[in-house]
């Protein structure tokens, strides 16, 4: 089952800015969710707890 989410134009633009060449915003979101599910948190370069 496919779900449709509505996002603001600002968020769409931000997602577009983070996409690699040829990557869709949907693919970026899938990648981020997979990383979160695997790691339990998003990692940021230079960040430590």
Protein backbone atom coordinates (compact mmCIF):
# COMPACT_ATOMS: atom_id res chain seq x y z
CA UNK A 1 0.00 0.00 0.00
CA UNK A 2 1.36 3.39 -0.97
CA UNK A 3 0.89 6.42 1.25
CA UNK A 4 1.07 10.01 0.04
CA UNK A 5 2.54 12.69 2.29
CA UNK A 6 2.12 16.39 1.73
CA UNK A 7 5.19 18.46 2.49
CA UNK A 8 5.81 22.17 2.33
CA UNK A 9 7.55 23.74 -0.63
CA UNK A 10 10.41 24.68 1.72
CA UNK A 11 10.94 21.07 2.83
CA UNK A 12 10.77 19.87 -0.80
CA UNK A 13 13.47 22.38 -1.74
CA UNK A 14 15.63 21.28 1.21
CA UNK A 15 15.27 17.64 0.19
CA UNK A 16 16.15 18.50 -3.41
CA UNK A 17 19.31 20.25 -2.20
CA UNK A 18 20.45 17.08 -0.39
CA UNK A 19 19.73 14.67 -3.24
CA UNK A 20 22.66 13.26 -5.15
CA UNK A 21 22.62 13.61 -8.93
CA UNK A 22 19.82 11.46 -10.33
CA UNK A 23 18.36 10.74 -6.87
CA UNK A 24 14.71 11.55 -6.19
CA UNK A 25 13.51 13.03 -2.90
CA UNK A 26 11.62 9.77 -2.30
CA UNK A 27 14.86 7.79 -2.63
CA UNK A 28 16.61 10.16 -0.22
CA UNK A 29 13.85 9.72 2.37
CA UNK A 30 14.01 5.92 1.96
CA UNK A 31 17.79 6.05 2.50
CA UNK A 32 17.44 8.23 5.61
CA UNK A 33 14.78 5.96 7.12
CA UNK A 34 16.92 2.87 6.43
CA UNK A 35 19.92 4.54 8.12
CA UNK A 36 17.78 5.48 11.12
CA UNK A 37 16.37 1.97 11.42
CA UNK A 38 19.85 0.44 11.22
CA UNK A 39 21.72 2.86 13.47
CA UNK A 40 18.91 4.02 15.74
CA UNK A 41 19.88 7.63 15.14
CA UNK A 42 21.18 9.85 12.39
CA UNK A 43 24.92 10.38 12.54
CA UNK A 44 26.39 13.81 11.99
CA UNK A 45 30.00 14.36 11.10
CA UNK A 46 31.86 15.82 14.06
CA UNK A 47 29.06 15.00 16.50
CA UNK A 48 29.62 12.86 19.54
CA UNK A 49 27.49 12.18 22.59
